[in-house]
């Protein structure tokens, strides 16, 4: 009887592991067949040889690009260099990437930029919000864009206990944004186990100086996020939710 019970438990465990492996494989599109597509008007932009993570384009056609992300499990083409923010003028016939200098005492050596989002105030001043992972932690850095000098002035670093494993943000107003968490755990091994078990522990956060709260939860991995023009809906890679406001 004991042997039969052990065999039953072993069989159930193997079946569970097999199902999780298949689901984990499918979640990365490993079984999808893609038709090859020839690029149409794609061009290689010099200066971004080390890859790019996120982009945000202003109405004027200027585009900010984060580059050099170092994240557990992801390849990195310049492991010894800090991350950078580039600017591209999409109005140019042959656009090129220009690295933006960062001033005001910002610690550039540990700069590890991830998702980015911009905000333009009533005076047409542009602010760039950047998810940063210094020493594999998560902060949100606020910069003011100096268009004439083509540089960034660091204004503030935002930290909060809920801002962990942040992937991306979308800014609504001064120091007000929604942020996605792609993992619950910050430890790489535990994060992999979380994905393997499909725990649905990641969430979307709302941040303001007066309030920080979870506004949606129960997702496998909340990734990039953006907002509709009327600001009623926020759309992410894994889900669509309506703004509580």
C-alpha atoms as a PDB file:
ATOM      1  CA  UNK A   1       0.000   0.000   0.000  1.00  0.00           C
ATOM      2  CA  UNK A   2       2.854   2.385   0.891  1.00  0.00           C
ATOM      3  CA  UNK A   3       4.614   1.637  -2.414  1.00  0.00           C
ATOM      4  CA  UNK A   4       1.420   2.283  -4.351  1.00  0.00           C
ATOM      5  CA  UNK A   5       0.967   5.611  -2.558  1.00  0.00           C
ATOM      6  CA  UNK A   6       4.563   6.619  -3.312  1.00  0.00           C
ATOM      7  CA  UNK A   7       4.160   5.684  -6.976  1.00  0.00           C
ATOM      8  CA  UNK A   8       0.956   7.702  -7.141  1.00  0.00           C
ATOM      9  CA  UNK A   9       2.613  10.752  -5.583  1.00  0.00           C
ATOM     10  CA  UNK A  10       5.633  10.368  -7.869  1.00  0.00           C
ATOM     11  CA  UNK A  11       3.400  10.122 -10.930  1.00  0.00           C
ATOM     12  CA  UNK A  12       1.394  13.179  -9.906  1.00  0.00           C
ATOM     13  CA  UNK A  13       4.591  15.147  -9.237  1.00  0.00           C
ATOM     14  CA  UNK A  14       6.093  14.222 -12.607  1.00  0.00           C
ATOM     15  CA  UNK A  15       2.842  15.133 -14.360  1.00  0.00           C
ATOM     16  CA  UNK A  16       2.812  18.514 -12.611  1.00  0.00           C
ATOM     17  CA  UNK A  17       6.453  19.210 -13.506  1.00  0.00           C
ATOM     18  CA  UNK A  18       5.818  18.184 -17.109  1.00  0.00           C
ATOM     19  CA  UNK A  19       2.781  20.456 -17.361  1.00  0.00           C
ATOM     20  CA  UNK A  20       4.719  23.372 -15.856  1.00  0.00           C
ATOM     21  CA  UNK A  21       7.656  22.844 -18.245  1.00  0.00           C
ATOM     22  CA  UNK A  22       5.293  22.852 -21.213  1.00  0.00           C
ATOM     23  CA  UNK A  23       3.484  25.968 -19.990  1.00  0.00           C
ATOM     24  CA  UNK A  24       6.807  27.699 -19.259  1.00  0.00           C
ATOM     25  CA  UNK A  25       8.018  26.843 -22.764  1.00  0.00           C
ATOM     26  CA  UNK A  26       4.800  28.028 -24.383  1.00  0.00           C
ATOM     27  CA  UNK A  27       4.848  31.310 -22.453  1.00  0.00           C
ATOM     28  CA  UNK A  28       7.973  32.295 -24.378  1.00  0.00           C
ATOM     29  CA  UNK A  29       6.450  31.388 -27.710  1.00  0.00           C
ATOM     30  CA  UNK A  30       8.688  28.367 -28.179  1.00  0.00           C
ATOM     31  CA  UNK A  31       6.030  26.442 -30.107  1.00  0.00           C
ATOM     32  CA  UNK A  32       4.891  29.273 -32.350  1.00  0.00           C
ATOM     33  CA  UNK A  33       5.727  29.240 -36.033  1.00  0.00           C
ATOM     34  CA  UNK A  34       6.555  32.659 -37.442  1.00  0.00           C
ATOM     35  CA  UNK A  35       6.590  33.567 -41.099  1.00  0.00           C
ATOM     36  CA  UNK A  36       9.825  35.344 -42.097  1.00  0.00           C
ATOM     37  CA  UNK A  37       9.224  38.993 -42.926  1.00  0.00           C
ATOM     38  CA  UNK A  38      11.579  41.176 -44.900  1.00  0.00           C
ATOM     39  CA  UNK A  39      12.180  44.556 -43.217  1.00  0.00           C
ATOM     40  CA  UNK A  40      10.780  47.465 -45.223  1.00  0.00           C
ATOM     41  CA  UNK A  41      12.111  50.817 -44.068  1.00  0.00           C
ATOM     42  CA  UNK A  42      14.271  49.605 -41.192  1.00  0.00           C
ATOM     43  CA  UNK A  43      17.740  51.084 -40.786  1.00  0.00           C
ATOM     44  CA  UNK A  44      20.524  50.358 -38.322  1.00  0.00           C
ATOM     45  CA  UNK A  45      21.114  53.385 -36.102  1.00  0.00           C
ATOM     46  CA  UNK A  46      24.721  53.851 -35.108  1.00  0.00           C
ATOM     47  CA  UNK A  47      25.391  54.224 -31.410  1.00  0.00           C
ATOM     48  CA  UNK A  48      22.887  51.605 -30.278  1.00  0.00           C
ATOM     49  CA  UNK A  49      25.100  48.583 -30.889  1.00  0.00           C
ATOM     50  CA  UNK A  50      24.623  47.514 -27.269  1.00  0.00           C
ATOM     51  CA  UNK A  51      20.869  47.275 -27.720  1.00  0.00           C
ATOM     52  CA  UNK A  52      17.946  49.304 -26.444  1.00  0.00           C
ATOM     53  CA  UNK A  53      15.226  48.530 -23.902  1.00  0.00           C
ATOM     54  CA  UNK A  54      12.534  51.175 -24.205  1.00  0.00           C
ATOM     55  CA  UNK A  55      11.589  54.214 -26.290  1.00  0.00           C
ATOM     56  CA  UNK A  56       9.319  57.218 -25.781  1.00  0.00           C
ATOM     57  CA  UNK A  57       8.644  59.696 -28.605  1.00  0.00           C
ATOM     58  CA  UNK A  58       7.670  63.330 -28.065  1.00  0.00           C
ATOM     59  CA  UNK A  59       5.108  65.096 -30.292  1.00  0.00           C
ATOM     60  CA  UNK A  60       8.039  67.025 -31.814  1.00  0.00           C
ATOM     61  CA  UNK A  61       9.569  63.800 -33.112  1.00  0.00           C
ATOM     62  CA  UNK A  62      12.405  63.619 -30.586  1.00  0.00           C
ATOM     63  CA  UNK A  63      12.743  60.120 -29.158  1.00  0.00           C
ATOM     64  CA  UNK A  64      14.367  59.009 -25.890  1.00  0.00           C
ATOM     65  CA  UNK A  65      15.866  55.505 -25.807  1.00  0.00           C
ATOM     66  CA  UNK A  66      17.173  53.596 -22.780  1.00  0.00           C
ATOM     67  CA  UNK A  67      20.134  51.322 -23.448  1.00  0.00           C
ATOM     68  CA  UNK A  68      22.487  48.985 -21.610  1.00  0.00           C
ATOM     69  CA  UNK A  69      20.015  47.216 -19.292  1.00  0.00           C
ATOM     70  CA  UNK A  70      21.620  44.594 -17.075  1.00  0.00           C
ATOM     71  CA  UNK A  71      18.989  42.171 -15.795  1.00  0.00           C
ATOM     72  CA  UNK A  72      19.292  38.600 -14.478  1.00  0.00           C
ATOM     73  CA  UNK A  73      18.851  36.070 -17.259  1.00  0.00           C
ATOM     74  CA  UNK A  74      19.174  38.633 -20.056  1.00  0.00           C
ATOM     75  CA  UNK A  75      22.211  38.931 -22.376  1.00  0.00           C
ATOM     76  CA  UNK A  76      24.240  42.114 -22.129  1.00  0.00           C
ATOM     77  CA  UNK A  77      26.602  43.359 -24.815  1.00  0.00           C
ATOM     78  CA  UNK A  78      28.518  45.817 -22.634  1.00  0.00           C
ATOM     79  CA  UNK A  79      28.628  44.364 -19.106  1.00  0.00           C
ATOM     80  CA  UNK A  80      31.369  46.750 -17.962  1.00  0.00           C
ATOM     81  CA  UNK A  81      29.653  49.946 -19.129  1.00  0.00           C
ATOM     82  CA  UNK A  82      26.871  51.814 -17.304  1.00  0.00           C
ATOM     83  CA  UNK A  83      23.494  52.270 -18.946  1.00  0.00           C
ATOM     84  CA  UNK A  84      22.761  55.312 -21.073  1.00  0.00           C
ATOM     85  CA  UNK A  85      19.931  57.440 -22.428  1.00  0.00           C
ATOM     86  CA  UNK A  86      20.064  58.324 -26.122  1.00  0.00           C
ATOM     87  CA  UNK A  87      18.194  60.934 -28.128  1.00  0.00           C
ATOM     88  CA  UNK A  88      17.098  60.485 -31.745  1.00  0.00           C
ATOM     89  CA  UNK A  89      15.450  63.080 -33.951  1.00  0.00           C
ATOM     90  CA  UNK A  90      12.900  61.110 -35.970  1.00  0.00           C
ATOM     91  CA  UNK A  91      12.533  64.082 -38.359  1.00  0.00           C
ATOM     92  CA  UNK A  92      16.010  63.544 -39.762  1.00  0.00           C
ATOM     93  CA  UNK A  93      16.394  61.603 -42.988  1.00  0.00           C
ATOM     94  CA  UNK A  94      19.217  59.554 -41.502  1.00  0.00           C
ATOM     95  CA  UNK A  95      18.605  59.654 -37.736  1.00  0.00           C
ATOM     96  CA  UNK A  96      21.505  58.978 -35.422  1.00  0.00           C
ATOM     97  CA  UNK A  97      21.656  58.295 -31.710  1.00  0.00           C
ATOM     98  CA  UNK A  98      23.149  60.942 -29.449  1.00  0.00           C
ATOM     99  CA  UNK A  99      24.081  60.034 -25.890  1.00  0.00           C
ATOM    100  CA  UNK A 100      22.628  62.511 -23.412  1.00  0.00           C
ATOM    101  CA  UNK A 101      24.911  63.839 -20.725  1.00  0.00           C
ATOM    102  CA  UNK A 102      23.462  63.655 -17.196  1.00  0.00           C
ATOM    103  CA  UNK A 103      24.295  66.371 -14.679  1.00  0.00           C
ATOM    104  CA  UNK A 104      23.519  67.452 -11.128  1.00  0.00           C
ATOM    105  CA  UNK A 105      25.520  64.814  -9.276  1.00  0.00           C
ATOM    106  CA  UNK A 106      23.766  61.741 -10.624  1.00  0.00           C
ATOM    107  CA  UNK A 107      25.598  58.431  -9.969  1.00  0.00           C
ATOM    108  CA  UNK A 108      26.150  57.347 -13.570  1.00  0.00           C
ATOM    109  CA  UNK A 109      28.379  54.373 -12.731  1.00  0.00           C
ATOM    110  CA  UNK A 110      25.430  52.333 -11.410  1.00  0.00           C
ATOM    111  CA  UNK A 111      22.890  53.620 -13.954  1.00  0.00           C
ATOM    112  CA  UNK A 112      20.854  50.638 -15.191  1.00  0.00           C
ATOM    113  CA  UNK A 113      17.871  52.054 -17.144  1.00  0.00           C
ATOM    114  CA  UNK A 114      14.783  49.975 -17.944  1.00  0.00           C
ATOM    115  CA  UNK A 115      11.336  51.395 -18.880  1.00  0.00           C
ATOM    116  CA  UNK A 116      10.948  55.124 -19.546  1.00  0.00           C
ATOM    117  CA  UNK A 117       8.107  57.645 -19.841  1.00  0.00           C
ATOM    118  CA  UNK A 118       7.885  61.386 -20.529  1.00  0.00           C
ATOM    119  CA  UNK A 119       5.749  64.203 -19.161  1.00  0.00           C
ATOM    120  CA  UNK A 120       5.339  67.712 -20.638  1.00  0.00           C
ATOM    121  CA  UNK A 121       4.064  70.435 -18.311  1.00  0.00           C
ATOM    122  CA  UNK A 122       2.059  73.554 -19.207  1.00  0.00           C
ATOM    123  CA  UNK A 123       5.290  75.474 -19.876  1.00  0.00           C
ATOM    124  CA  UNK A 124       6.325  72.781 -22.401  1.00  0.00           C
ATOM    125  CA  UNK A 125       9.156  71.600 -20.166  1.00  0.00           C
ATOM    126  CA  UNK A 126       9.930  67.946 -20.816  1.00  0.00           C
ATOM    127  CA  UNK A 127      10.559  65.547 -17.922  1.00  0.00           C
ATOM    128  CA  UNK A 128      11.899  62.050 -18.396  1.00  0.00           C
ATOM    129  CA  UNK A 129      11.057  59.325 -15.866  1.00  0.00           C
ATOM    130  CA  UNK A 130      13.355  56.298 -15.911  1.00  0.00           C
ATOM    131  CA  UNK A 131      13.063  52.963 -14.134  1.00  0.00           C
ATOM    132  CA  UNK A 132      16.541  52.338 -12.768  1.00  0.00           C
ATOM    133  CA  UNK A 133      18.085  49.196 -11.243  1.00  0.00           C
ATOM    134  CA  UNK A 134      21.193  50.347  -9.371  1.00  0.00           C
ATOM    135  CA  UNK A 135      22.793  47.314  -7.763  1.00  0.00           C
ATOM    136  CA  UNK A 136      19.741  45.285  -8.939  1.00  0.00           C
ATOM    137  CA  UNK A 137      17.310  47.341  -6.860  1.00  0.00           C
ATOM    138  CA  UNK A 138      14.468  49.435  -8.286  1.00  0.00           C
ATOM    139  CA  UNK A 139      14.135  53.207  -8.246  1.00  0.00           C
ATOM    140  CA  UNK A 140      12.480  55.793 -10.490  1.00  0.00           C
ATOM    141  CA  UNK A 141      14.710  58.665 -11.581  1.00  0.00           C
ATOM    142  CA  UNK A 142      13.266  62.033 -12.667  1.00  0.00           C
ATOM    143  CA  UNK A 143      15.214  64.134 -15.174  1.00  0.00           C
ATOM    144  CA  UNK A 144      14.529  67.489 -16.833  1.00  0.00           C
ATOM    145  CA  UNK A 145      15.384  67.585 -20.521  1.00  0.00           C
ATOM    146  CA  UNK A 146      17.460  70.584 -21.621  1.00  0.00           C
ATOM    147  CA  UNK A 147      16.729  70.673 -25.360  1.00  0.00           C
ATOM    148  CA  UNK A 148      19.234  73.383 -26.255  1.00  0.00           C
ATOM    149  CA  UNK A 149      22.103  71.609 -24.518  1.00  0.00           C
ATOM    150  CA  UNK A 150      20.735  68.163 -25.424  1.00  0.00           C
ATOM    151  CA  UNK A 151      21.298  66.976 -21.865  1.00  0.00           C
ATOM    152  CA  UNK A 152      19.451  65.704 -18.790  1.00  0.00           C
ATOM    153  CA  UNK A 153      19.411  67.310 -15.358  1.00  0.00           C
ATOM    154  CA  UNK A 154      18.753  64.846 -12.544  1.00  0.00           C
ATOM    155  CA  UNK A 155      16.053  66.144 -10.214  1.00  0.00           C
ATOM    156  CA  UNK A 156      14.989  63.336  -7.906  1.00  0.00           C
ATOM    157  CA  UNK A 157      15.241  59.635  -7.037  1.00  0.00           C
ATOM    158  CA  UNK A 158      11.997  57.944  -5.981  1.00  0.00           C
ATOM    159  CA  UNK A 159      12.177  54.917  -3.699  1.00  0.00           C
ATOM    160  CA  UNK A 160       9.380  52.950  -2.057  1.00  0.00           C
ATOM    161  CA  UNK A 161       8.968  49.494  -0.545  1.00  0.00           C
ATOM    162  CA  UNK A 162       6.361  48.608  -3.198  1.00  0.00           C
ATOM    163  CA  UNK A 163       8.656  49.646  -6.047  1.00  0.00           C
ATOM    164  CA  UNK A 164      10.385  46.288  -6.428  1.00  0.00           C
ATOM    165  CA  UNK A 165      11.203  44.453  -9.672  1.00  0.00           C
ATOM    166  CA  UNK A 166       9.739  47.387 -11.589  1.00  0.00           C
ATOM    167  CA  UNK A 167       9.625  46.895 -15.348  1.00  0.00           C
ATOM    168  CA  UNK A 168       7.973  49.961 -16.847  1.00  0.00           C
ATOM    169  CA  UNK A 169       6.048  53.130 -15.993  1.00  0.00           C
ATOM    170  CA  UNK A 170       3.607  55.547 -17.595  1.00  0.00           C
ATOM    171  CA  UNK A 171       3.545  59.093 -16.205  1.00  0.00           C
ATOM    172  CA  UNK A 172       0.277  60.959 -15.640  1.00  0.00           C
ATOM    173  CA  UNK A 173       1.522  64.169 -14.040  1.00  0.00           C
ATOM    174  CA  UNK A 174       4.255  65.553 -11.786  1.00  0.00           C
ATOM    175  CA  UNK A 175       5.475  62.572  -9.715  1.00  0.00           C
ATOM    176  CA  UNK A 176       2.343  60.576 -10.562  1.00  0.00           C
ATOM    177  CA  UNK A 177       2.669  57.342 -12.487  1.00  0.00           C
ATOM    178  CA  UNK A 178       1.600  53.733 -12.877  1.00  0.00           C
ATOM    179  CA  UNK A 179       4.311  51.087 -12.661  1.00  0.00           C
ATOM    180  CA  UNK A 180       4.393  47.387 -13.517  1.00  0.00           C
ATOM    181  CA  UNK A 181       6.220  44.675 -11.610  1.00  0.00           C
ATOM    182  CA  UNK A 182       7.426  41.771 -13.732  1.00  0.00           C
ATOM    183  CA  UNK A 183       8.338  39.593 -10.725  1.00  0.00           C
ATOM    184  CA  UNK A 184       7.341  39.386  -7.093  1.00  0.00           C
ATOM    185  CA  UNK A 185      10.733  38.112  -5.915  1.00  0.00           C
ATOM    186  CA  UNK A 186      13.922  40.094  -6.448  1.00  0.00           C
ATOM    187  CA  UNK A 187      16.158  37.020  -6.137  1.00  0.00           C
ATOM    188  CA  UNK A 188      16.901  35.562  -9.587  1.00  0.00           C
ATOM    189  CA  UNK A 189      16.412  31.909  -8.589  1.00  0.00           C
ATOM    190  CA  UNK A 190      13.155  32.660  -6.775  1.00  0.00           C
ATOM    191  CA  UNK A 191      11.970  34.762  -9.725  1.00  0.00           C
ATOM    192  CA  UNK A 192      12.550  31.808 -12.064  1.00  0.00           C
ATOM    193  CA  UNK A 193      10.685  29.515  -9.659  1.00  0.00           C
ATOM    194  CA  UNK A 194       7.858  32.057  -9.531  1.00  0.00           C
ATOM    195  CA  UNK A 195       7.577  31.998 -13.331  1.00  0.00           C
ATOM    196  CA  UNK A 196       7.850  28.206 -13.452  1.00  0.00           C
ATOM    197  CA  UNK A 197       5.044  27.744 -10.921  1.00  0.00           C
ATOM    198  CA  UNK A 198       3.002  30.520 -12.587  1.00  0.00           C
ATOM    199  CA  UNK A 199       2.138  32.064  -9.229  1.00  0.00           C
ATOM    200  CA  UNK A 200       0.365  35.166 -10.608  1.00  0.00           C
ATOM    201  CA  UNK A 201       1.915  37.375  -7.939  1.00  0.00           C
ATOM    202  CA  UNK A 202       2.883  40.418 -10.013  1.00  0.00           C
ATOM    203  CA  UNK A 203       0.946  43.669  -9.979  1.00  0.00           C
ATOM    204  CA  UNK A 204       0.435  47.225 -11.186  1.00  0.00           C
ATOM    205  CA  UNK A 205       1.115  50.098  -8.798  1.00  0.00           C
ATOM    206  CA  UNK A 206      -0.029  53.690  -8.626  1.00  0.00           C
ATOM    207  CA  UNK A 207       2.459  56.176  -7.213  1.00  0.00           C
ATOM    208  CA  UNK A 208       1.971  59.771  -6.106  1.00  0.00           C
ATOM    209  CA  UNK A 209       3.592  61.780  -3.301  1.00  0.00           C
ATOM    210  CA  UNK A 210       0.407  61.333  -1.265  1.00  0.00           C
ATOM    211  CA  UNK A 211      -0.478  57.718  -2.033  1.00  0.00           C
ATOM    212  CA  UNK A 212       1.170  54.511  -3.202  1.00  0.00           C
ATOM    213  CA  UNK A 213      -1.035  51.472  -3.755  1.00  0.00           C
ATOM    214  CA  UNK A 214      -1.576  48.288  -5.754  1.00  0.00           C
ATOM    215  CA  UNK A 215      -4.335  48.915  -8.313  1.00  0.00           C
ATOM    216  CA  UNK A 216      -4.310  45.533 -10.103  1.00  0.00           C
ATOM    217  CA  UNK A 217      -2.781  42.177  -9.257  1.00  0.00           C
ATOM    218  CA  UNK A 218      -2.862  38.470 -10.063  1.00  0.00           C
ATOM    219  CA  UNK A 219      -0.705  38.466 -13.217  1.00  0.00           C
ATOM    220  CA  UNK A 220       2.040  36.111 -14.335  1.00  0.00           C
ATOM    221  CA  UNK A 221       4.294  38.980 -15.356  1.00  0.00           C
ATOM    222  CA  UNK A 222       3.242  42.610 -15.740  1.00  0.00           C
ATOM    223  CA  UNK A 223       5.497  44.041 -18.424  1.00  0.00           C
ATOM    224  CA  UNK A 224       5.334  47.248 -20.479  1.00  0.00           C
ATOM    225  CA  UNK A 225       2.476  49.675 -19.907  1.00  0.00           C
ATOM    226  CA  UNK A 226       0.951  52.627 -21.766  1.00  0.00           C
ATOM    227  CA  UNK A 227      -2.122  54.838 -21.486  1.00  0.00           C
ATOM    228  CA  UNK A 228      -4.913  55.695 -23.930  1.00  0.00           C
ATOM    229  CA  UNK A 229      -5.249  59.297 -25.110  1.00  0.00           C
ATOM    230  CA  UNK A 230      -8.301  59.894 -22.909  1.00  0.00           C
ATOM    231  CA  UNK A 231      -6.410  58.357 -19.935  1.00  0.00           C
ATOM    232  CA  UNK A 232      -9.312  56.004 -19.196  1.00  0.00           C
ATOM    233  CA  UNK A 233      -7.488  52.790 -20.053  1.00  0.00           C
ATOM    234  CA  UNK A 234      -4.058  51.467 -19.297  1.00  0.00           C
ATOM    235  CA  UNK A 235      -2.778  48.644 -21.467  1.00  0.00           C
ATOM    236  CA  UNK A 236       0.037  46.266 -20.645  1.00  0.00           C
ATOM    237  CA  UNK A 237       1.541  43.287 -22.402  1.00  0.00           C
ATOM    238  CA  UNK A 238      -0.275  40.798 -20.156  1.00  0.00           C
ATOM    239  CA  UNK A 239      -3.570  42.546 -19.493  1.00  0.00           C
ATOM    240  CA  UNK A 240      -5.880  45.536 -20.045  1.00  0.00           C
ATOM    241  CA  UNK A 241      -7.391  47.418 -17.134  1.00  0.00           C
ATOM    242  CA  UNK A 242      -9.531  50.497 -16.680  1.00  0.00           C
ATOM    243  CA  UNK A 243      -8.183  53.445 -14.753  1.00  0.00           C
ATOM    244  CA  UNK A 244      -9.821  53.727 -11.310  1.00  0.00           C
ATOM    245  CA  UNK A 245      -9.942  57.474 -11.895  1.00  0.00           C
END
